Amino acid sequence: MTSVTYTTIVAGVGNLEENTHVIDRACEMARLCDATLLLVAGFDPVSARDKARVANTAQVADVRVNEVQLTEDEAYAVVEKARDIAVERGVGLAQGVVVEGTAVSAVTLVTLEAEADLVVVGSKGVDSLLGRIFGAVSVQVLRKSQCDVLVVVPDAASDSAAALRAAANSVAAAAVDT
């Protein structure tokens, strides 16, 4: 039996309050494998003022409703806090990485450039209709990654987590079939 060891792990961090389970699992994996942990956040370069102007004229809804869209300052704050959490949890080498763009493009780009062998993402948005049609962040990362992807669901003790896991499994199965 061969053992799987990861050397570079990328974790998508956006909303830390909703994704503590993602940070927890990424830190656990990094500690177990003595791996480098890259904590990634994407940011939207469009100002809030310009977004409001576009929203007033746009006829088509934004399909990224389930994706946290951070400003650059928010993204830096999130990765700094995530890095502090990782250090507190005993991760040997944890770095924050901020990339202009969506969460999917940020995580995918860092994964490719760092030649990561594991990506850890949350499952938020998979249970929504738009998430199923257009693909939640986790499903899009799964489709685009060239390495292992770990999709972490919230605490399995709750009924909503079980429903979310079932939805994630059906979407992931559909994504693999295409």
Foldseek 3Di string as FASTA:
>chain_A
DDDDAWAEEEEEWAPCVQVVQLLVVQLVNCVVRVHEYEYEYEAEADDPVVVVVCVVVDPDDDLQVQFHHHHQVSLVVRQVVSQVVSVVSPRPHYYYDYHYDTSLVGRLVCCVVVVTAEYEYEQTPLPDPSCLVVNHSQLSNVLRDPHYYHYDFPDPVDPVSVVSVVSVVVSNVVSVVD
